[in-house]
């Protein structure tokens, strides 16, 4: 039986994790959810869990910010969340491409 072990530094794992983080910019929580449900590897699954928690947190932040926009208080908040999502996802993708573990700041832990 041919068993191939994938380690943390394999190029395939790095690519999956980078695409998971970058996918959050364009597709929200869907790429992270797919990787989280499909992969069983520890490092890849941990990164997918972190990305999924961040994307779910941004949904909560968007809901709060739009309520504040309706109340005429938070006109700039939705744009701030877009910029934070872009910056945090890019930093996470760069760090994970180097094999590092990255935790998003300001994240609510929905999934442990």
N, C-alpha and C. Protein backbone atom coordinates (compact mmCIF):
# COMPACT_ATOMS: atom_id res chain seq x y z
N UNK A 1 0.85 -1.16 0.00
CA UNK A 1 0.00 0.00 0.00
C UNK A 1 0.90 1.24 0.00
N UNK A 2 0.59 2.16 -0.86
CA UNK A 2 1.38 3.38 -1.01
C UNK A 2 0.73 4.50 -0.20
N UNK A 3 1.34 4.84 0.95
CA UNK A 3 0.83 5.91 1.80
C UNK A 3 1.79 7.08 1.67
N UNK A 4 1.24 8.22 1.29
CA UNK A 4 2.07 9.42 1.15
C UNK A 4 1.72 10.37 2.29
N UNK A 5 2.71 10.70 3.08
CA UNK A 5 2.48 11.61 4.19
C UNK A 5 2.76 13.03 3.72
N UNK A 6 1.84 13.92 4.05
CA UNK A 6 2.00 15.32 3.68
C UNK A 6 2.39 16.09 4.93
N UNK A 7 3.51 16.77 4.85
CA UNK A 7 3.93 17.55 6.02
C UNK A 7 3.51 19.00 5.87
N UNK A 8 3.81 19.76 6.88
CA UNK A 8 3.39 21.15 6.95
C UNK A 8 4.00 21.99 5.84
N UNK A 9 5.15 21.63 5.37
CA UNK A 9 5.85 22.44 4.39
C UNK A 9 5.66 21.95 2.96
N UNK A 10 4.76 21.02 2.72
CA UNK A 10 4.57 20.55 1.36
C UNK A 10 3.94 21.66 0.52
N UNK A 11 4.28 21.70 -0.71
CA UNK A 11 3.79 22.75 -1.61
C UNK A 11 2.27 22.67 -1.81
N UNK A 12 1.74 21.47 -1.81
CA UNK A 12 0.29 21.31 -1.98
C UNK A 12 -0.46 21.90 -0.80
N UNK A 13 0.02 21.61 0.42
CA UNK A 13 -0.63 22.17 1.61
C UNK A 13 -0.52 23.68 1.63
N UNK A 14 0.63 24.21 1.29
CA UNK A 14 0.81 25.66 1.27
C UNK A 14 -0.14 26.31 0.26
N UNK A 15 -0.27 25.70 -0.91
CA UNK A 15 -1.16 26.24 -1.94
C UNK A 15 -2.61 26.22 -1.48
N UNK A 16 -3.04 25.13 -0.86
CA UNK A 16 -4.41 25.03 -0.37
C UNK A 16 -4.69 26.10 0.67
N UNK A 17 -3.74 26.29 1.58
CA UNK A 17 -3.93 27.27 2.64
C UNK A 17 -3.92 28.69 2.08
N UNK A 18 -3.02 28.98 1.16
CA UNK A 18 -2.98 30.32 0.55
C UNK A 18 -4.27 30.60 -0.20
N UNK A 19 -4.76 29.64 -0.97
CA UNK A 19 -6.01 29.84 -1.69
C UNK A 19 -7.21 29.96 -0.75
N UNK A 20 -7.14 29.29 0.39
CA UNK A 20 -8.21 29.42 1.38
C UNK A 20 -8.27 30.85 1.92
N UNK A 21 -7.11 31.40 2.25
CA UNK A 21 -7.07 32.77 2.78
C UNK A 21 -7.45 33.78 1.70
N UNK A 22 -6.92 33.63 0.51
CA UNK A 22 -7.24 34.57 -0.57
C UNK A 22 -8.68 34.43 -1.04
N UNK A 23 -9.22 33.23 -0.97
CA UNK A 23 -10.61 33.01 -1.36
C UNK A 23 -11.59 33.78 -0.49
N UNK A 24 -11.19 34.07 0.75
CA UNK A 24 -12.04 34.84 1.63
C UNK A 24 -12.27 36.26 1.13
N UNK A 25 -11.34 36.79 0.37
CA UNK A 25 -11.50 38.14 -0.18
C UNK A 25 -12.62 38.17 -1.20
N UNK A 26 -12.69 37.15 -2.03
CA UNK A 26 -13.63 37.14 -3.14
C UNK A 26 -14.92 36.38 -2.87
N UNK A 27 -14.84 35.30 -2.07
CA UNK A 27 -15.99 34.42 -1.90
C UNK A 27 -16.47 34.30 -0.46
N UNK A 28 -15.95 35.10 0.44
CA UNK A 28 -16.39 35.07 1.83
C UNK A 28 -15.97 33.81 2.55
N UNK A 29 -16.90 33.21 3.27
CA UNK A 29 -16.57 32.05 4.10
C UNK A 29 -16.60 30.72 3.35
N UNK A 30 -17.03 30.70 2.12
CA UNK A 30 -17.23 29.44 1.39
C UNK A 30 -15.93 28.64 1.18
N UNK A 31 -14.82 29.23 0.70
CA UNK A 31 -13.60 28.43 0.53
C UNK A 31 -13.08 27.87 1.84
N UNK A 32 -13.13 28.65 2.91
CA UNK A 32 -12.65 28.17 4.20
C UNK A 32 -13.52 27.03 4.72
N UNK A 33 -14.82 27.14 4.51
CA UNK A 33 -15.74 26.09 4.95
C UNK A 33 -15.48 24.79 4.19
N UNK A 34 -15.28 24.89 2.89
CA UNK A 34 -15.01 23.69 2.08
C UNK A 34 -13.73 23.01 2.53
N UNK A 35 -12.67 23.78 2.69
CA UNK A 35 -11.39 23.19 3.11
C UNK A 35 -11.51 22.63 4.53
N UNK A 36 -12.20 23.33 5.40
CA UNK A 36 -12.36 22.85 6.78
C UNK A 36 -13.10 21.51 6.82
N UNK A 37 -14.10 21.34 5.97
CA UNK A 37 -14.87 20.10 5.97
C UNK A 37 -14.17 18.96 5.25
N UNK A 38 -13.32 19.28 4.27
CA UNK A 38 -12.70 18.24 3.45
C UNK A 38 -11.36 17.75 4.02
N UNK A 39 -10.53 18.67 4.47
CA UNK A 39 -9.18 18.30 4.90
C UNK A 39 -9.17 17.79 6.33
N UNK A 40 -8.31 16.81 6.58
CA UNK A 40 -8.15 16.26 7.92
C UNK A 40 -6.78 16.58 8.51
N UNK A 41 -5.90 17.12 7.71
CA UNK A 41 -4.56 17.45 8.17
C UNK A 41 -4.61 18.58 9.19
N UNK A 42 -3.81 18.51 10.22
CA UNK A 42 -3.84 19.47 11.31
C UNK A 42 -3.55 20.90 10.91
N UNK A 43 -2.43 21.14 10.20
CA UNK A 43 -2.03 22.50 9.86
C UNK A 43 -2.99 23.13 8.86
N UNK A 44 -3.41 22.38 7.87
CA UNK A 44 -4.34 22.90 6.86
C UNK A 44 -5.70 23.16 7.51
N UNK A 45 -6.16 22.24 8.32
CA UNK A 45 -7.46 22.40 8.96
C UNK A 45 -7.45 23.56 9.96
N UNK A 46 -6.34 23.75 10.68
CA UNK A 46 -6.24 24.89 11.60
C UNK A 46 -6.30 26.22 10.86
N UNK A 47 -5.60 26.31 9.74
CA UNK A 47 -5.65 27.53 8.94
C UNK A 47 -7.05 27.76 8.37
N UNK A 48 -7.70 26.70 7.92
CA UNK A 48 -9.06 26.84 7.40
C UNK A 48 -10.02 27.26 8.51
N UNK A 49 -9.83 26.73 9.72
CA UNK A 49 -10.66 27.12 10.85
C UNK A 49 -10.47 28.59 11.19
N UNK A 50 -9.22 29.04 11.19
CA UNK A 50 -8.96 30.46 11.45
C UNK A 50 -9.57 31.36 10.38
N UNK A 51 -9.43 30.96 9.13
CA UNK A 51 -10.02 31.75 8.03
C UNK A 51 -11.54 31.75 8.12
N UNK A 52 -12.12 30.61 8.47
CA UNK A 52 -13.57 30.52 8.60
C UNK A 52 -14.07 31.38 9.76
N UNK A 53 -13.38 31.33 10.88
CA UNK A 53 -13.76 32.19 12.00
C UNK A 53 -13.67 33.66 11.63
N UNK A 54 -12.62 34.04 10.89
CA UNK A 54 -12.48 35.43 10.49
C UNK A 54 -13.61 35.85 9.54
N UNK A 55 -13.94 35.01 8.57
CA UNK A 55 -14.98 35.37 7.62
C UNK A 55 -16.36 35.44 8.28
N UNK A 56 -16.61 34.56 9.24
CA UNK A 56 -17.88 34.65 9.98
C UNK A 56 -17.91 35.90 10.85
N UNK A 57 -16.75 36.26 11.40
CA UNK A 57 -16.66 37.47 12.19
C UNK A 57 -16.92 38.70 11.33
N UNK A 58 -16.41 38.70 10.09
CA UNK A 58 -16.67 39.85 9.21
C UNK A 58 -18.15 39.96 8.89
N UNK A 59 -18.85 38.83 8.79
CA UNK A 59 -20.30 38.90 8.57
C UNK A 59 -21.00 39.59 9.75
N UNK A 60 -20.57 39.27 10.95
CA UNK A 60 -21.13 39.93 12.14
C UNK A 60 -20.80 41.41 12.11
N UNK A 61 -19.55 41.74 11.77
CA UNK A 61 -19.13 43.14 11.71
C UNK A 61 -19.91 43.91 10.63
N UNK A 62 -20.15 43.27 9.50
CA UNK A 62 -20.96 43.91 8.44
C UNK A 62 -22.37 44.19 8.93
N UNK A 63 -22.99 43.23 9.61
CA UNK A 63 -24.35 43.43 10.10
C UNK A 63 -24.41 44.59 11.08
N UNK A 64 -23.45 44.64 11.99
CA UNK A 64 -23.42 45.75 12.96
C UNK A 64 -23.18 47.07 12.25
N UNK A 65 -22.26 47.07 11.29
CA UNK A 65 -21.94 48.34 10.62
C UNK A 65 -23.12 48.85 9.79
N UNK A 66 -23.87 47.95 9.15
CA UNK A 66 -25.02 48.41 8.36
C UNK A 66 -26.15 48.92 9.24
N UNK A 67 -26.28 48.35 10.42
CA UNK A 67 -27.25 48.90 11.37
C UNK A 67 -26.82 50.31 11.76
N UNK A 68 -25.53 50.51 11.98
CA UNK A 68 -25.03 51.84 12.34
C UNK A 68 -25.14 52.82 11.17
N UNK A 69 -25.04 52.33 9.95
CA UNK A 69 -25.24 53.20 8.78
C UNK A 69 -26.69 53.65 8.71
N UNK A 70 -27.59 52.74 8.97
CA UNK A 70 -29.02 53.08 8.92
C UNK A 70 -29.36 54.13 9.99
N UNK A 71 -28.67 54.03 11.13
CA UNK A 71 -28.90 54.98 12.21
C UNK A 71 -28.11 56.26 11.99
N UNK A 72 -27.41 56.35 10.87
CA UNK A 72 -26.64 57.54 10.46
C UNK A 72 -25.42 57.81 11.34
N UNK A 73 -24.83 56.77 11.88
CA UNK A 73 -23.63 56.95 12.69
C UNK A 73 -22.38 56.44 11.98
N UNK A 74 -22.45 55.30 11.33
CA UNK A 74 -21.25 54.63 10.86
C UNK A 74 -21.09 54.56 9.36
N UNK A 75 -20.99 55.72 8.70
CA UNK A 75 -20.88 55.72 7.24
C UNK A 75 -19.60 55.03 6.73
N UNK A 76 -18.53 55.14 7.46
CA UNK A 76 -17.25 54.62 7.00
C UNK A 76 -17.01 53.17 7.43
N UNK A 77 -17.81 52.63 8.33
CA UNK A 77 -17.54 51.30 8.88
C UNK A 77 -17.56 50.17 7.85
N UNK A 78 -18.52 50.10 6.92
CA UNK A 78 -18.46 49.01 5.93
C UNK A 78 -17.17 49.05 5.10
N UNK A 79 -16.69 50.24 4.76
CA UNK A 79 -15.45 50.34 4.00
C UNK A 79 -14.25 49.94 4.84
N UNK A 80 -14.29 50.26 6.12
CA UNK A 80 -13.21 49.85 7.02
C UNK A 80 -13.13 48.33 7.11
N UNK A 81 -14.27 47.68 7.16
CA UNK A 81 -14.29 46.21 7.23
C UNK A 81 -13.78 45.60 5.94
N UNK A 82 -14.11 46.19 4.81
CA UNK A 82 -13.58 45.71 3.52
C UNK A 82 -12.05 45.80 3.50
N UNK A 83 -11.53 46.93 3.95
CA UNK A 83 -10.07 47.12 3.96
C UNK A 83 -9.41 46.15 4.94
N UNK A 84 -9.98 46.00 6.13
CA UNK A 84 -9.43 45.06 7.11
C UNK A 84 -9.44 43.63 6.57
N UNK A 85 -10.52 43.24 5.93
CA UNK A 85 -10.60 41.89 5.36
C UNK A 85 -9.52 41.70 4.30
N UNK A 86 -9.35 42.68 3.45
CA UNK A 86 -8.33 42.59 2.40
C UNK A 86 -6.93 42.49 3.01
N UNK A 87 -6.61 43.35 3.94
CA UNK A 87 -5.27 43.37 4.53
C UNK A 87 -5.01 42.09 5.33
N UNK A 88 -5.94 41.69 6.18
CA UNK A 88 -5.74 40.50 7.00
C UNK A 88 -5.62 39.24 6.15
N UNK A 89 -6.44 39.13 5.11
CA UNK A 89 -6.36 37.94 4.24
C UNK A 89 -5.04 37.90 3.47
N UNK A 90 -4.57 39.04 3.01
CA UNK A 90 -3.28 39.08 2.31
C UNK A 90 -2.13 38.73 3.25
N UNK A 91 -2.15 39.26 4.45
CA UNK A 91 -1.09 38.94 5.42
C UNK A 91 -1.13 37.45 5.75
N UNK A 92 -2.32 36.90 5.96
CA UNK A 92 -2.45 35.48 6.25
C UNK A 92 -1.94 34.62 5.10
N UNK A 93 -2.23 35.02 3.87
CA UNK A 93 -1.77 34.25 2.71
C UNK A 93 -0.25 34.30 2.60
N UNK A 94 0.34 35.46 2.83
CA UNK A 94 1.80 35.58 2.74
C UNK A 94 2.47 34.78 3.84
N UNK A 95 1.96 34.89 5.06
CA UNK A 95 2.57 34.14 6.16
C UNK A 95 2.43 32.63 5.96
N UNK A 96 1.27 32.19 5.51
CA UNK A 96 1.07 30.76 5.33
C UNK A 96 1.85 30.22 4.14
N UNK A 97 2.16 31.06 3.16
CA UNK A 97 2.99 30.60 2.05
C UNK A 97 4.42 30.32 2.52
N UNK A 98 4.81 30.92 3.64
CA UNK A 98 6.11 30.65 4.24
C UNK A 98 6.06 29.52 5.25
N UNK A 99 4.90 28.90 5.41
CA UNK A 99 4.76 27.79 6.35
C UNK A 99 4.49 28.23 7.77
N UNK A 100 4.20 29.50 7.97
CA UNK A 100 3.93 30.01 9.31
C UNK A 100 2.46 29.87 9.66
N UNK A 101 2.18 29.88 10.93
CA UNK A 101 0.82 29.82 11.43
C UNK A 101 0.36 31.25 11.70
N UNK A 102 -0.82 31.62 11.22
CA UNK A 102 -1.31 32.99 11.38
C UNK A 102 -2.70 32.98 12.00
N UNK A 103 -2.88 33.80 13.03
CA UNK A 103 -4.21 34.01 13.62
C UNK A 103 -4.67 35.41 13.29
N UNK A 104 -5.88 35.52 12.79
CA UNK A 104 -6.45 36.82 12.47
C UNK A 104 -6.73 37.59 13.77
N UNK A 105 -6.35 38.86 13.82
CA UNK A 105 -6.73 39.65 14.99
C UNK A 105 -8.22 40.03 14.93
N UNK A 106 -8.78 40.40 16.05
CA UNK A 106 -10.18 40.85 16.16
C UNK A 106 -11.19 39.78 15.76
N UNK A 107 -10.83 38.52 15.94
CA UNK A 107 -11.68 37.41 15.50
C UNK A 107 -12.48 36.84 16.65
N UNK A 108 -13.75 36.58 16.42
CA UNK A 108 -14.59 35.86 17.36
C UNK A 108 -14.44 34.38 17.04
N UNK A 109 -14.17 33.56 18.05
CA UNK A 109 -13.97 32.13 17.84
C UNK A 109 -15.33 31.41 17.83
N UNK A 110 -15.88 31.23 16.65
CA UNK A 110 -17.12 30.47 16.52
C UNK A 110 -16.85 28.97 16.51
N UNK A 111 -15.75 28.58 15.89
CA UNK A 111 -15.39 27.17 15.75
C UNK A 111 -14.08 26.94 16.46
N UNK A 112 -14.06 25.97 17.37
CA UNK A 112 -12.83 25.69 18.14
C UNK A 112 -12.08 24.53 17.58
